[in-house]
Amino acid sequence: MIKGVCSVRIVIQIFAAIGFMTAAWRISGTMPLLISGILDLISPTFFYVCAFLACAGFSMLVGSSFTAASTLGVLLTLAAQASGLDMRITAGAVISGIFIGDRTSPLSSCIALISALTHQHTADITSKMMRTLSLPFLLTALFYGYFSSDASLALISKNTTLFASFDMGLQGVIPAAIVLLLSFFHFSVLKIMIWSLISAIFIAVCFQKISVFDTARMLLFGAEFSQDAELFNGGGLLSMASPTAIVMISSAWSGLLNVSGFTAFGKHAAIRLCRMVGPCCTMMIFSCAVGAICCNQTMTIVLVSSMCGGLYADSLRQAMHLGDSAVILPAIIPWCVSCSVPLAAIGADSASLLYAVFPCIASATCIGNDLLSRYQRSSS
């Protein structure tokens, strides 16, 4: 059990950094500035595809589906509702977009966990994830592009009271720019987060005029704003207490299941299934089954990695398949936390999942690529 918890200690460190940074990006004005700019770029005619692209881009920057859903996702669904657009298509586009960050962002806690489990560098995983993203991303965008609208969009302008609490100067871009720049040069995730955090704290104190004491308090307990800007409340170290506890419990359970023989049974079942359908399909099936039972994305990643890891000689390939199965498939299981929380945040029902096509397209693309590579190896 102790060995299982210790194996993910780097993940716990990254979770702490994520907690600090999500609060810092709020109080520095970075998150409001990004959302304001995104809203200004959205076209009413192609609202659904724009909603998907906006949520995808934002979730890539923040690395969290929950953060993307509870901020930009809420604004997009409010705009759609006020404009008389289809709420289920909008919610589907939002759900599809926010999970691209979970799958691909260097700041994603899921990527950090997969990195620890497969002993692969985060930069290698995200680089490979980006290369395999193009086809499912394009197909998903085409799907939402099919639904056009002639409605006049009631978007929330940056001149409203929602953004009045912030200095919306360009200095707010710096923490996000640091993430992009250092990711390009393959800095470690912790170094990226630390430098982005330092810049955000400086901006919060010097430009947003938040006292050092209040900045420290909000980094720990989460950002707090007036009622007009309460959409940006949240983040902070304590916000990551639950995900950290889940990772520790999942890792401990993984160790206990290894001792009890349950994991050995799962590994044996995975090997037998792999002989029939291959490792990729096996991991997809196990991800759906474990996700439906555990109702949790983190436990799904840990347990599926433990039971299906032996199917792969290449741990980077294992990491890729985990990203296209255990990370995103729980997003379309209605009773799973990673699905139910974003749906509740944006006020959508489970029928909206019929339009959340990215997880299915990405998984199908992964299976297709795996079958093609197996065919090429067998024919050579």
Protein backbone atom coordinates (compact mmCIF):
# COMPACT_ATOMS: atom_id res chain seq x y z
CA MET A 1 0.00 0.00 0.00
CA ILE A 2 2.75 2.46 1.02
CA LYS A 3 4.68 1.59 -2.13
CA GLY A 4 1.60 2.39 -4.23
CA VAL A 5 1.19 5.83 -2.62
CA CYS A 6 4.91 6.66 -2.90
CA SER A 7 4.88 5.80 -6.61
CA VAL A 8 2.72 8.87 -7.35
CA ARG A 9 4.40 11.41 -5.05
CA ILE A 10 5.44 13.52 -8.06
CA VAL A 11 1.77 13.63 -9.07
CA ILE A 12 0.86 14.97 -5.63
CA GLN A 13 3.49 17.70 -6.01
CA ILE A 14 2.06 18.64 -9.40
CA PHE A 15 -1.47 18.67 -7.96
CA ALA A 16 -0.32 21.16 -5.30
CA ALA A 17 1.22 23.36 -8.01
CA ILE A 18 -2.00 23.14 -10.04
CA GLY A 19 -4.01 24.28 -7.01
CA PHE A 20 -1.78 27.31 -6.47
CA MET A 21 -1.73 28.18 -10.16
CA THR A 22 -5.49 27.96 -10.76
CA ALA A 23 -6.00 30.54 -8.00
CA ALA A 24 -3.10 32.71 -9.21
CA TRP A 25 -4.45 32.82 -12.77
CA ARG A 26 -7.78 34.02 -11.40
CA ILE A 27 -6.47 36.78 -9.15
CA SER A 28 -3.90 37.98 -11.71
CA GLY A 29 -6.66 38.51 -14.29
CA THR A 30 -5.17 35.92 -16.64
CA MET A 31 -8.22 33.69 -16.72
CA PRO A 32 -10.74 36.57 -17.14
CA LEU A 33 -8.57 38.09 -19.91
CA LEU A 34 -8.33 34.79 -21.81
CA ILE A 35 -12.07 34.16 -21.55
CA SER A 36 -12.90 37.71 -22.60
CA GLY A 37 -10.68 37.41 -25.67
CA ILE A 38 -12.15 34.03 -26.58
CA LEU A 39 -15.72 35.32 -26.33
CA ASP A 40 -14.89 38.23 -28.64
CA LEU A 41 -13.70 35.81 -31.34
CA ILE A 42 -16.79 33.58 -31.43
CA SER A 43 -18.92 33.70 -34.58
CA PRO A 44 -22.72 33.49 -34.11
CA THR A 45 -23.14 31.59 -37.41
CA PHE A 46 -20.79 28.81 -36.35
CA PHE A 47 -21.40 29.03 -32.64
CA TYR A 48 -21.22 25.29 -31.89
CA VAL A 49 -17.89 24.71 -33.60
CA CYS A 50 -16.56 27.93 -32.05
CA ALA A 51 -17.67 26.71 -28.61
CA PHE A 52 -15.79 23.46 -29.18
CA LEU A 53 -12.64 25.24 -30.39
CA ALA A 54 -12.80 27.79 -27.55
CA CYS A 55 -13.15 25.15 -24.84
CA ALA A 56 -10.41 23.04 -26.44
CA GLY A 57 -7.98 25.96 -26.51
CA PHE A 58 -8.83 27.13 -23.00
CA SER A 59 -8.60 23.65 -21.48
CA MET A 60 -5.21 23.20 -23.16
CA LEU A 61 -3.99 26.33 -21.36
CA VAL A 62 -5.42 25.55 -17.92
CA GLY A 63 -5.08 21.74 -18.11
CA SER A 64 -8.37 21.10 -16.32
CA SER A 65 -11.75 20.05 -17.69
CA PHE A 66 -13.48 21.13 -14.47
CA THR A 67 -11.96 24.64 -14.58
CA ALA A 68 -12.82 25.05 -18.26
CA ALA A 69 -16.39 23.88 -17.73
CA SER A 70 -17.05 26.02 -14.65
CA THR A 71 -15.79 29.24 -16.27
CA LEU A 72 -15.85 29.44 -20.07
CA GLY A 73 -18.33 26.56 -20.37
CA VAL A 74 -20.82 28.38 -18.14
CA LEU A 75 -20.54 31.60 -20.17
CA LEU A 76 -21.01 29.76 -23.46
CA THR A 77 -24.11 27.91 -22.28
CA LEU A 78 -25.58 31.13 -20.87
CA ALA A 79 -24.97 32.84 -24.22
CA ALA A 80 -26.57 29.92 -26.09
CA GLN A 81 -29.59 29.93 -23.79
CA ALA A 82 -30.08 33.69 -24.12
CA SER A 83 -29.83 33.41 -27.92
CA GLY A 84 -32.27 30.51 -28.25
CA LEU A 85 -29.64 28.05 -29.51
CA ASP A 86 -29.77 24.30 -28.91
CA MET A 87 -28.52 23.73 -25.37
CA ARG A 88 -27.72 20.05 -25.89
CA ILE A 89 -25.49 20.65 -28.89
CA THR A 90 -23.81 23.50 -27.00
CA ALA A 91 -23.24 21.30 -23.95
CA GLY A 92 -21.90 18.51 -26.17
CA ALA A 93 -19.45 20.90 -27.79
CA VAL A 94 -18.32 22.16 -24.38
CA ILE A 95 -17.82 18.62 -23.01
CA SER A 96 -15.88 17.60 -26.12
CA GLY A 97 -13.64 20.65 -25.88
CA ILE A 98 -12.81 20.56 -22.19
CA PHE A 99 -11.50 16.99 -22.30
CA ILE A 100 -8.93 17.82 -24.95
CA GLY A 101 -7.01 19.58 -22.19
CA ASP A 102 -7.21 16.55 -19.90
CA ARG A 103 -5.85 14.37 -22.72
CA THR A 104 -3.20 16.68 -24.18
CA SER A 105 -2.23 19.63 -21.97
CA PRO A 106 1.19 19.57 -20.25
CA LEU A 107 -0.58 21.03 -17.19
CA SER A 108 -3.14 18.20 -17.03
CA SER A 109 -3.22 16.20 -13.81
CA CYS A 110 -4.21 13.16 -15.89
CA ILE A 111 -1.05 13.46 -17.99
CA ALA A 112 1.00 13.84 -14.80
CA LEU A 113 -0.54 10.64 -13.43
CA ILE A 114 0.03 8.72 -16.67
CA SER A 115 3.63 9.95 -16.71
CA ALA A 116 4.19 8.58 -13.20
CA LEU A 117 2.52 5.24 -13.99
CA THR A 118 4.32 4.62 -17.29
CA HIS A 119 7.67 6.25 -16.33
CA GLN A 120 7.58 8.45 -19.41
CA HIS A 121 8.45 12.15 -19.51
CA THR A 122 5.42 14.45 -19.67
CA ALA A 123 6.92 16.28 -22.65
CA ASP A 124 7.21 13.03 -24.63
CA ILE A 125 3.61 12.09 -23.86
CA THR A 126 2.13 15.49 -24.71
CA SER A 127 4.21 15.75 -27.89
CA LYS A 128 2.89 12.39 -29.08
CA MET A 129 -0.63 13.30 -27.97
CA MET A 130 -0.51 16.49 -30.02
CA ARG A 131 0.55 14.58 -33.14
CA THR A 132 -2.33 12.13 -32.81
CA LEU A 133 -4.87 14.86 -31.99
CA SER A 134 -5.21 16.29 -35.50
CA LEU A 135 -7.59 13.73 -37.05
CA PRO A 136 -10.11 13.37 -34.16
CA PHE A 137 -9.96 17.14 -33.62
CA LEU A 138 -10.74 17.85 -37.27
CA LEU A 139 -13.56 15.27 -37.41
CA THR A 140 -15.10 16.69 -34.23
CA ALA A 141 -14.87 20.26 -35.55
CA LEU A 142 -16.56 19.17 -38.80
CA PHE A 143 -19.34 17.53 -36.78
CA TYR A 144 -20.13 20.77 -34.93
CA GLY A 145 -19.58 22.81 -38.08
CA TYR A 146 -22.47 20.91 -39.64
CA PHE A 147 -24.82 22.64 -37.18
CA SER A 148 -24.95 26.28 -38.18
CA SER A 149 -27.16 29.01 -36.78
CA ASP A 150 -28.62 32.30 -37.95
CA ALA A 151 -29.32 33.51 -34.40
CA SER A 152 -27.89 36.77 -33.11
CA LEU A 153 -25.60 35.76 -30.28
CA ALA A 154 -26.03 37.33 -26.85
CA LEU A 155 -22.40 37.13 -25.75
CA ILE A 156 -21.16 38.64 -22.52
CA SER A 157 -18.95 41.58 -23.37
CA LYS A 158 -15.79 42.34 -21.44
CA ASN A 159 -17.33 45.72 -20.62
CA THR A 160 -19.92 44.16 -18.32
CA THR A 161 -19.60 43.95 -14.54
CA LEU A 162 -18.31 40.36 -14.85
CA PHE A 163 -14.87 41.69 -15.79
CA ALA A 164 -15.06 45.04 -13.95
CA SER A 165 -13.16 43.69 -10.94
CA PHE A 166 -10.00 43.14 -12.97
CA ASP A 167 -7.32 45.22 -14.66
CA MET A 168 -7.71 43.74 -18.14
CA GLY A 169 -4.30 44.91 -19.38
CA LEU A 170 -2.07 42.73 -21.53
CA GLN A 171 0.09 41.86 -18.52
CA GLY A 172 -2.50 39.17 -17.81
CA VAL A 173 -1.27 37.23 -20.83
CA ILE A 174 2.22 36.72 -19.33
CA PRO A 175 1.47 33.64 -17.11
CA ALA A 176 -0.20 31.84 -20.05
CA ALA A 177 2.59 32.90 -22.43
CA ILE A 178 5.17 31.46 -20.03
CA VAL A 179 3.37 28.11 -20.11
CA LEU A 180 3.38 28.04 -23.91
CA LEU A 181 7.00 29.20 -24.21
CA LEU A 182 8.50 26.84 -21.63
CA SER A 183 6.42 23.92 -22.94
CA PHE A 184 7.91 24.55 -26.39
CA PHE A 185 11.41 24.24 -24.90
CA HIS A 186 10.42 21.03 -23.03
CA PHE A 187 10.84 22.35 -19.49
CA SER A 188 9.55 20.06 -16.76
CA VAL A 189 5.92 20.55 -15.73
CA LEU A 190 6.84 21.69 -12.22
CA LYS A 191 9.27 24.33 -13.54
CA ILE A 192 6.63 25.59 -15.99
CA MET A 193 4.06 25.89 -13.23
CA ILE A 194 6.45 27.57 -10.79
CA TRP A 195 7.51 30.29 -13.25
CA SER A 196 3.91 30.87 -14.35
CA LEU A 197 2.86 31.02 -10.68
CA ILE A 198 5.57 33.56 -9.80
CA SER A 199 4.55 35.84 -12.68
CA ALA A 200 0.86 35.58 -11.77
CA ILE A 201 1.53 36.46 -8.13
CA PHE A 202 3.58 39.49 -9.20
CA ILE A 203 0.76 40.68 -11.47
CA ALA A 204 -1.88 40.11 -8.77
CA VAL A 205 0.03 42.24 -6.27
CA CYS A 206 1.36 44.97 -8.58
CA PHE A 207 -1.43 45.35 -11.16
CA GLN A 208 -4.60 43.93 -9.57
CA LYS A 209 -3.70 45.68 -6.27
CA ILE A 210 -4.35 42.62 -4.12
CA SER A 211 -2.45 42.69 -0.83
CA VAL A 212 0.27 40.13 -0.16
CA PHE A 213 -1.78 38.70 2.71
CA ASP A 214 -4.94 38.31 0.58
CA THR A 215 -2.88 36.83 -2.26
CA ALA A 216 -1.41 34.21 0.07
CA ARG A 217 -4.83 33.47 1.55
CA MET A 218 -6.45 33.00 -1.86
CA LEU A 219 -3.58 30.82 -3.08
CA LEU A 220 -4.38 28.50 -0.19
CA PHE A 221 -8.17 28.71 0.05
CA GLY A 222 -9.17 29.85 -3.44
CA ALA A 223 -9.93 33.14 -5.16
CA GLU A 224 -12.85 35.18 -3.83
CA PHE A 225 -14.45 38.07 -5.71
CA SER A 226 -17.56 40.20 -5.43
CA GLN A 227 -20.93 38.83 -6.49
CA ASP A 228 -20.56 40.26 -9.99
CA ALA A 229 -17.36 38.28 -10.61
CA GLU A 230 -18.10 35.21 -8.47
CA LEU A 231 -17.86 33.03 -11.58
CA PHE A 232 -14.09 33.30 -11.14
CA ASN A 233 -14.11 32.14 -7.52
CA GLY A 234 -12.21 28.93 -6.85
CA GLY A 235 -8.85 27.29 -7.27
CA GLY A 236 -6.28 27.24 -4.48
CA LEU A 237 -4.31 24.51 -2.77
CA LEU A 238 -7.30 23.17 -0.85
CA SER A 239 -9.25 22.68 -4.10
CA MET A 240 -6.81 19.87 -4.94
CA ALA A 241 -7.30 18.08 -1.62
CA SER A 242 -10.01 15.81 -3.02
CA PRO A 243 -8.13 14.85 -6.24
CA THR A 244 -4.96 14.25 -4.18
CA ALA A 245 -6.84 12.02 -1.74
CA ILE A 246 -8.38 10.10 -4.65
CA VAL A 247 -4.95 9.52 -6.22
CA MET A 248 -3.52 8.31 -2.90
CA ILE A 249 -6.50 6.04 -2.26
CA SER A 250 -6.42 4.71 -5.83
CA SER A 251 -2.71 3.97 -5.58
CA ALA A 252 -3.17 2.32 -2.20
CA TRP A 253 -6.04 0.23 -3.56
CA SER A 254 -3.91 -0.72 -6.53
CA GLY A 255 -1.27 -2.02 -4.13
CA LEU A 256 -3.86 -3.92 -2.09
CA LEU A 257 -5.43 -5.41 -5.22
CA ASN A 258 -1.99 -6.59 -6.32
CA VAL A 259 -1.55 -8.40 -3.00
CA SER A 260 -5.09 -9.84 -3.00
CA GLY A 261 -4.75 -11.30 -6.48
CA PHE A 262 -7.54 -9.24 -8.04
CA THR A 263 -5.12 -7.35 -10.26
CA ALA A 264 -3.58 -10.67 -11.34
CA PHE A 265 -7.06 -11.83 -12.34
CA GLY A 266 -7.57 -8.61 -14.30
CA LYS A 267 -4.20 -9.00 -16.01
CA HIS A 268 -5.04 -12.56 -16.99
CA ALA A 269 -8.41 -11.45 -18.40
CA ALA A 270 -6.71 -8.62 -20.29
CA ILE A 271 -4.20 -11.02 -21.87
CA ARG A 272 -6.96 -13.36 -23.02
CA LEU A 273 -9.01 -10.49 -24.43
CA CYS A 274 -5.92 -9.01 -26.08
CA ARG A 275 -5.42 -12.21 -28.08
CA MET A 276 -8.83 -11.65 -29.64
CA VAL A 277 -9.04 -7.87 -30.15
CA GLY A 278 -5.55 -6.45 -29.57
CA PRO A 279 -4.17 -4.24 -26.75
CA CYS A 280 -5.88 -1.01 -27.77
CA CYS A 281 -9.40 -2.45 -27.88
CA THR A 282 -8.69 -4.31 -24.65
CA MET A 283 -7.74 -1.08 -22.89
CA MET A 284 -10.87 0.64 -24.26
CA ILE A 285 -13.11 -2.15 -22.92
CA PHE A 286 -11.38 -2.18 -19.54
CA SER A 287 -11.60 1.64 -19.32
CA CYS A 288 -15.35 1.59 -19.91
CA ALA A 289 -15.90 -1.24 -17.42
CA VAL A 290 -13.66 0.17 -14.67
CA GLY A 291 -14.94 3.70 -15.24
CA ALA A 292 -18.55 2.55 -14.96
CA ILE A 293 -17.81 0.71 -11.71
CA CYS A 294 -15.43 3.18 -10.03
CA CYS A 295 -17.22 6.30 -11.32
CA ASN A 296 -13.90 8.11 -11.18
CA GLN A 297 -11.37 9.11 -13.82
CA THR A 298 -8.32 8.85 -11.57
CA MET A 299 -9.10 5.35 -10.28
CA THR A 300 -9.83 4.28 -13.84
CA ILE A 301 -6.41 5.45 -15.02
CA VAL A 302 -4.58 3.74 -12.14
CA LEU A 303 -6.43 0.41 -12.31
CA VAL A 304 -6.49 0.13 -16.11
CA SER A 305 -2.78 0.94 -16.24
CA SER A 306 -2.11 -1.77 -13.65
CA MET A 307 -4.20 -4.44 -15.38
CA CYS A 308 -3.37 -3.64 -19.02
CA GLY A 309 0.20 -2.40 -18.67
CA GLY A 310 1.62 -5.88 -19.30
CA LEU A 311 0.16 -5.85 -22.83
CA TYR A 312 2.69 -3.23 -23.96
CA ALA A 313 6.40 -3.56 -24.59
CA ASP A 314 6.50 0.16 -25.37
CA SER A 315 5.44 2.23 -22.34
CA LEU A 316 4.98 5.37 -24.46
CA ARG A 317 2.42 3.50 -26.55
CA GLN A 318 0.74 2.45 -23.32
CA ALA A 319 0.62 6.09 -22.22
CA MET A 320 -0.93 7.09 -25.54
CA HIS A 321 -3.64 4.47 -25.28
CA LEU A 322 -4.39 5.45 -21.68
CA GLY A 323 -4.93 9.02 -22.88
CA ASP A 324 -7.41 7.87 -25.51
CA SER A 325 -9.27 5.49 -23.20
CA ALA A 326 -9.05 5.86 -19.41
CA VAL A 327 -8.78 9.66 -19.56
CA ILE A 328 -11.59 10.53 -21.96
CA LEU A 329 -14.06 7.63 -21.95
CA PRO A 330 -15.29 8.34 -18.39
CA ALA A 331 -16.38 11.71 -19.83
CA ILE A 332 -19.35 10.03 -21.51
CA ILE A 333 -20.42 7.81 -18.59
CA PRO A 334 -23.27 9.87 -17.04
CA TRP A 335 -22.76 8.71 -13.44
CA CYS A 336 -18.98 9.15 -13.54
CA VAL A 337 -17.64 12.19 -11.62
CA SER A 338 -15.65 13.46 -14.61
CA CYS A 339 -18.92 13.63 -16.57
CA SER A 340 -21.53 14.56 -13.97
CA VAL A 341 -19.59 17.53 -12.49
CA PRO A 342 -19.07 19.40 -15.81
CA LEU A 343 -22.69 18.68 -16.80
CA ALA A 344 -23.91 20.11 -13.50
CA ALA A 345 -21.60 23.15 -13.84
CA ILE A 346 -23.04 24.13 -17.22
CA GLY A 347 -26.61 23.13 -16.33
CA ALA A 348 -26.98 20.38 -18.95
CA ASP A 349 -28.65 16.98 -18.83
CA SER A 350 -27.18 13.58 -19.73
CA ALA A 351 -28.90 13.65 -23.14
CA SER A 352 -26.29 16.25 -24.12
CA LEU A 353 -23.73 13.43 -24.16
CA LEU A 354 -25.19 12.32 -27.51
CA TYR A 355 -23.46 15.39 -28.96
CA ALA A 356 -20.21 14.99 -26.96
CA VAL A 357 -18.52 13.15 -29.80
CA PHE A 358 -14.81 13.83 -29.23
CA PRO A 359 -14.16 10.98 -26.74
CA CYS A 360 -15.76 8.45 -29.10
CA ILE A 361 -13.99 9.80 -32.20
CA ALA A 362 -10.61 9.92 -30.44
CA SER A 363 -11.00 6.37 -29.15
CA ALA A 364 -12.12 5.08 -32.54
CA THR A 365 -9.19 6.84 -34.22
CA CYS A 366 -6.81 5.28 -31.70
CA ILE A 367 -8.20 1.82 -32.44
CA GLY A 368 -7.93 2.44 -36.19
CA ASN A 369 -4.31 3.57 -35.89
CA ASP A 370 -3.48 0.55 -33.75
CA LEU A 371 -5.07 -1.88 -36.20
CA LEU A 372 -3.25 -0.22 -39.09
CA SER A 373 0.13 -0.42 -37.34
CA ARG A 374 -0.46 -4.09 -36.45
CA TYR A 375 -1.38 -4.86 -40.07
CA GLN A 376 1.74 -3.08 -41.35
CA ARG A 377 3.94 -5.02 -38.91
CA SER A 378 2.40 -8.34 -39.86
CA SER A 379 2.72 -7.72 -43.62
CA SER A 380 6.33 -6.51 -43.46
